[in-house]
PDB file of N, CA and C in Angstrom:
ATOM      1  N   UNK A   1     -17.459  16.449  14.410  1.00  0.00           N
ATOM      2  CA  UNK A   1     -18.087  15.534  13.241  1.00  0.00           C
ATOM      3  C   UNK A   1     -16.956  15.135  12.238  1.00  0.00           C
ATOM      4  N   UNK A   2     -16.272  16.154  11.765  1.00  0.00           N
ATOM      5  CA  UNK A   2     -15.317  15.889  10.807  1.00  0.00           C
ATOM      6  C   UNK A   2     -14.162  14.951  11.254  1.00  0.00           C
ATOM      7  N   UNK A   3     -13.737  15.122  12.462  1.00  0.00           N
ATOM      8  CA  UNK A   3     -12.647  14.279  13.038  1.00  0.00           C
ATOM      9  C   UNK A   3     -13.131  12.853  13.197  1.00  0.00           C
ATOM     10  N   UNK A   4     -14.404  12.738  13.534  1.00  0.00           N
ATOM     11  CA  UNK A   4     -15.012  11.390  13.773  1.00  0.00           C
ATOM     12  C   UNK A   4     -15.007  10.719  12.354  1.00  0.00           C
ATOM     13  N   UNK A   5     -15.259  11.314  11.350  1.00  0.00           N
ATOM     14  CA  UNK A   5     -15.255  10.776   9.908  1.00  0.00           C
ATOM     15  C   UNK A   5     -13.746  10.279   9.640  1.00  0.00           C
ATOM     16  N   UNK A   6     -12.858  11.198   9.871  1.00  0.00           N
ATOM     17  CA  UNK A   6     -11.432  10.973   9.689  1.00  0.00           C
ATOM     18  C   UNK A   6     -10.869   9.623  10.440  1.00  0.00           C
ATOM     19  N   UNK A   7     -11.375   9.642  11.700  1.00  0.00           N
ATOM     20  CA  UNK A   7     -11.031   8.420  12.453  1.00  0.00           C
ATOM     21  C   UNK A   7     -11.659   7.121  11.891  1.00  0.00           C
ATOM     22  N   UNK A   8     -12.906   7.232  11.505  1.00  0.00           N
ATOM     23  CA  UNK A   8     -13.515   6.038  10.788  1.00  0.00           C
ATOM     24  C   UNK A   8     -12.831   5.605   9.621  1.00  0.00           C
ATOM     25  N   UNK A   9     -12.418   6.596   8.656  1.00  0.00           N
ATOM     26  CA  UNK A   9     -11.798   6.273   7.515  1.00  0.00           C
ATOM     27  C   UNK A   9     -10.364   5.804   7.672  1.00  0.00           C
ATOM     28  N   UNK A  10      -9.665   6.227   8.731  1.00  0.00           N
ATOM     29  CA  UNK A  10      -8.397   5.664   9.061  1.00  0.00           C
ATOM     30  C   UNK A  10      -8.655   4.135   9.488  1.00  0.00           C
ATOM     31  N   UNK A  11      -9.563   3.971  10.273  1.00  0.00           N
ATOM     32  CA  UNK A  11      -9.797   2.531  10.797  1.00  0.00           C
ATOM     33  C   UNK A  11     -10.188   1.605   9.458  1.00  0.00           C
ATOM     34  N   UNK A  12     -10.875   2.137   8.638  1.00  0.00           N
ATOM     35  CA  UNK A  12     -11.290   1.361   7.377  1.00  0.00           C
ATOM     36  C   UNK A  12     -10.057   1.037   6.610  1.00  0.00           C
ATOM     37  N   UNK A  13      -9.065   2.149   6.466  1.00  0.00           N
ATOM     38  CA  UNK A  13      -7.964   1.798   5.612  1.00  0.00           C
ATOM     39  C   UNK A  13      -7.110   0.809   6.458  1.00  0.00           C
ATOM     40  N   UNK A  14      -6.842   0.897   7.712  1.00  0.00           N
ATOM     41  CA  UNK A  14      -6.105  -0.081   8.451  1.00  0.00           C
ATOM     42  C   UNK A  14      -6.588  -1.514   8.229  1.00  0.00           C
ATOM     43  N   UNK A  15      -7.947  -1.618   8.452  1.00  0.00           N
ATOM     44  CA  UNK A  15      -8.527  -3.038   8.294  1.00  0.00           C
ATOM     45  C   UNK A  15      -8.379  -3.490   6.862  1.00  0.00           C
ATOM     46  N   UNK A  16      -8.553  -2.601   5.902  1.00  0.00           N
ATOM     47  CA  UNK A  16      -8.314  -2.989   4.438  1.00  0.00           C
ATOM     48  C   UNK A  16      -6.890  -3.551   4.210  1.00  0.00           C
ATOM     49  N   UNK A  17      -5.924  -2.865   4.831  1.00  0.00           N
ATOM     50  CA  UNK A  17      -4.519  -3.257   4.786  1.00  0.00           C
ATOM     51  C   UNK A  17      -4.309  -4.531   5.355  1.00  0.00           C
ATOM     52  N   UNK A  18      -4.937  -4.739   6.527  1.00  0.00           N
ATOM     53  CA  UNK A  18      -4.813  -6.016   7.163  1.00  0.00           C
ATOM     54  C   UNK A  18      -5.485  -7.137   6.384  1.00  0.00           C
ATOM     55  N   UNK A  19      -6.638  -7.023   5.781  1.00  0.00           N
ATOM     56  CA  UNK A  19      -7.259  -7.974   5.044  1.00  0.00           C
ATOM     57  C   UNK A  19      -6.392  -8.187   3.772  1.00  0.00           C
ATOM     58  N   UNK A  20      -5.760  -7.190   3.219  1.00  0.00           N
ATOM     59  CA  UNK A  20      -4.990  -7.306   2.031  1.00  0.00           C
ATOM     60  C   UNK A  20      -3.667  -8.135   2.351  1.00  0.00           C
ATOM     61  N   UNK A  21      -3.022  -7.827   3.576  1.00  0.00           N
ATOM     62  CA  UNK A  21      -1.873  -8.609   3.937  1.00  0.00           C
ATOM     63  C   UNK A  21      -2.252 -10.095   4.272  1.00  0.00           C
ATOM     64  N   UNK A  22      -3.451 -10.296   4.935  1.00  0.00           N
ATOM     65  CA  UNK A  22      -3.896 -11.698   5.139  1.00  0.00           C
ATOM     66  C   UNK A  22      -4.147 -12.425   3.763  1.00  0.00           C
ATOM     67  N   UNK A  23      -4.728 -11.771   2.849  1.00  0.00           N
ATOM     68  CA  UNK A  23      -4.947 -12.312   1.448  1.00  0.00           C
ATOM     69  C   UNK A  23      -3.587 -12.743   0.805  1.00  0.00           C
ATOM     70  N   UNK A  24      -2.643 -11.796   0.802  1.00  0.00           N
ATOM     71  CA  UNK A  24      -1.397 -12.002   0.288  1.00  0.00           C
ATOM     72  C   UNK A  24      -0.761 -13.220   0.928  1.00  0.00           C
ATOM     73  N   UNK A  25      -0.780 -13.375   2.255  1.00  0.00           N
ATOM     74  CA  UNK A  25      -0.263 -14.579   2.919  1.00  0.00           C
ATOM     75  C   UNK A  25      -0.992 -15.789   2.380  1.00  0.00           C
ATOM     76  N   UNK A  26      -2.252 -15.808   2.355  1.00  0.00           N
ATOM     77  CA  UNK A  26      -3.066 -16.918   1.804  1.00  0.00           C
ATOM     78  C   UNK A  26      -2.638 -17.283   0.397  1.00  0.00           C
ATOM     79  N   UNK A  27      -2.438 -16.386  -0.396  1.00  0.00           N
ATOM     80  CA  UNK A  27      -2.249 -16.496  -1.712  1.00  0.00           C
ATOM     81  C   UNK A  27      -0.849 -17.114  -1.907  1.00  0.00           C
ATOM     82  N   UNK A  28       0.189 -16.589  -1.178  1.00  0.00           N
ATOM     83  CA  UNK A  28       1.502 -17.146  -1.389  1.00  0.00           C
ATOM     84  C   UNK A  28       1.586 -18.536  -0.666  1.00  0.00           C
ATOM     85  N   UNK A  29       0.654 -18.956   0.251  1.00  0.00           N
ATOM     86  CA  UNK A  29       0.608 -20.247   0.879  1.00  0.00           C
ATOM     87  C   UNK A  29      -0.026 -21.226  -0.222  1.00  0.00           C
ATOM     88  N   UNK A  30      -0.886 -20.853  -0.899  1.00  0.00           N
ATOM     89  CA  UNK A  30      -1.611 -21.707  -1.856  1.00  0.00           C
ATOM     90  C   UNK A  30      -0.587 -22.070  -3.031  1.00  0.00           C
ATOM     91  N   UNK A  31      -1.050 -22.943  -3.797  1.00  0.00           N
ATOM     92  CA  UNK A  31      -0.137 -23.309  -4.927  1.00  0.00           C
ATOM     93  C   UNK A  31       0.137 -22.237  -5.819  1.00  0.00           C
ATOM     94  N   UNK A  32       1.477 -21.839  -5.885  1.00  0.00           N
ATOM     95  CA  UNK A  32       1.855 -20.589  -6.564  1.00  0.00           C
ATOM     96  C   UNK A  32       1.727 -20.685  -8.150  1.00  0.00           C
ATOM     97  N   UNK A  33       1.858 -21.877  -8.594  1.00  0.00           N
ATOM     98  CA  UNK A  33       1.819 -22.123 -10.085  1.00  0.00           C
ATOM     99  C   UNK A  33       0.381 -21.800 -10.572  1.00  0.00           C
ATOM    100  N   UNK A  34      -0.575 -22.295  -9.773  1.00  0.00           N
ATOM    101  CA  UNK A  34      -2.016 -22.139 -10.016  1.00  0.00           C
ATOM    102  C   UNK A  34      -2.268 -20.571 -10.015  1.00  0.00           C
ATOM    103  N   UNK A  35      -1.873 -20.031  -8.956  1.00  0.00           N
ATOM    104  CA  UNK A  35      -2.036 -18.576  -8.763  1.00  0.00           C
ATOM    105  C   UNK A  35      -1.473 -17.751  -9.868  1.00  0.00           C
ATOM    106  N   UNK A  36      -0.231 -18.076 -10.326  1.00  0.00           N
ATOM    107  CA  UNK A  36       0.359 -17.248 -11.442  1.00  0.00           C
ATOM    108  C   UNK A  36      -0.311 -17.573 -12.646  1.00  0.00           C
ATOM    109  N   UNK A  37      -0.735 -18.794 -12.926  1.00  0.00           N
ATOM    110  CA  UNK A  37      -1.577 -18.980 -14.251  1.00  0.00           C
ATOM    111  C   UNK A  37      -2.800 -18.219 -14.207  1.00  0.00           C
ATOM    112  N   UNK A  38      -3.510 -18.150 -13.067  1.00  0.00           N
ATOM    113  CA  UNK A  38      -4.844 -17.378 -12.989  1.00  0.00           C
ATOM    114  C   UNK A  38      -4.389 -15.980 -13.130  1.00  0.00           C
ATOM    115  N   UNK A  39      -3.421 -15.470 -12.579  1.00  0.00           N
ATOM    116  CA  UNK A  39      -2.924 -14.061 -12.814  1.00  0.00           C
ATOM    117  C   UNK A  39      -2.504 -13.704 -14.114  1.00  0.00           C
ATOM    118  N   UNK A  40      -1.878 -14.577 -14.799  1.00  0.00           N
ATOM    119  CA  UNK A  40      -1.451 -14.468 -16.262  1.00  0.00           C
ATOM    120  C   UNK A  40      -2.674 -14.311 -17.062  1.00  0.00           C
ATOM    121  N   UNK A  41      -3.596 -15.160 -16.819  1.00  0.00           N
ATOM    122  CA  UNK A  41      -4.924 -15.139 -17.614  1.00  0.00           C
ATOM    123  C   UNK A  41      -5.596 -13.772 -17.409  1.00  0.00           C
ATOM    124  N   UNK A  42      -5.646 -13.211 -16.187  1.00  0.00           N
ATOM    125  CA  UNK A  42      -6.321 -12.078 -15.783  1.00  0.00           C
ATOM    126  C   UNK A  42      -5.572 -10.889 -16.597  1.00  0.00           C
ATOM    127  N   UNK A  43      -4.354 -10.979 -16.596  1.00  0.00           N
ATOM    128  CA  UNK A  43      -3.512  -9.988 -17.269  1.00  0.00           C
ATOM    129  C   UNK A  43      -3.736 -10.042 -18.751  1.00  0.00           C
ATOM    130  N   UNK A  44      -3.837 -11.176 -19.301  1.00  0.00           N
ATOM    131  CA  UNK A  44      -4.054 -11.267 -20.792  1.00  0.00           C
ATOM    132  C   UNK A  44      -5.471 -10.699 -21.104  1.00  0.00           C
ATOM    133  N   UNK A  45      -6.357 -10.968 -20.238  1.00  0.00           N
ATOM    134  CA  UNK A  45      -7.769 -10.387 -20.522  1.00  0.00           C
ATOM    135  C   UNK A  45      -7.763  -8.952 -20.469  1.00  0.00           C
ATOM    136  N   UNK A  46      -7.030  -8.357 -19.601  1.00  0.00           N
ATOM    137  CA  UNK A  46      -6.922  -7.032 -19.516  1.00  0.00           C
ATOM    138  C   UNK A  46      -6.307  -6.206 -20.640  1.00  0.00           C
ATOM    139  N   UNK A  47      -5.356  -6.916 -21.432  1.00  0.00           N
ATOM    140  CA  UNK A  47      -4.792  -6.264 -22.525  1.00  0.00           C
ATOM    141  C   UNK A  47      -5.688  -6.047 -23.704  1.00  0.00           C
TER     142      UNK A  47
END
């Protein structure tokens, strides 16, 4: 039972990494100036 949970968790982690990589590719392919201004705004809000 425990090993099954571990396997599922590993698969979730792998798919999360895959999605994150795909998102990074998508973001870097979109207009970078737009993305950076959005990012800067988010950082400013966080402070």
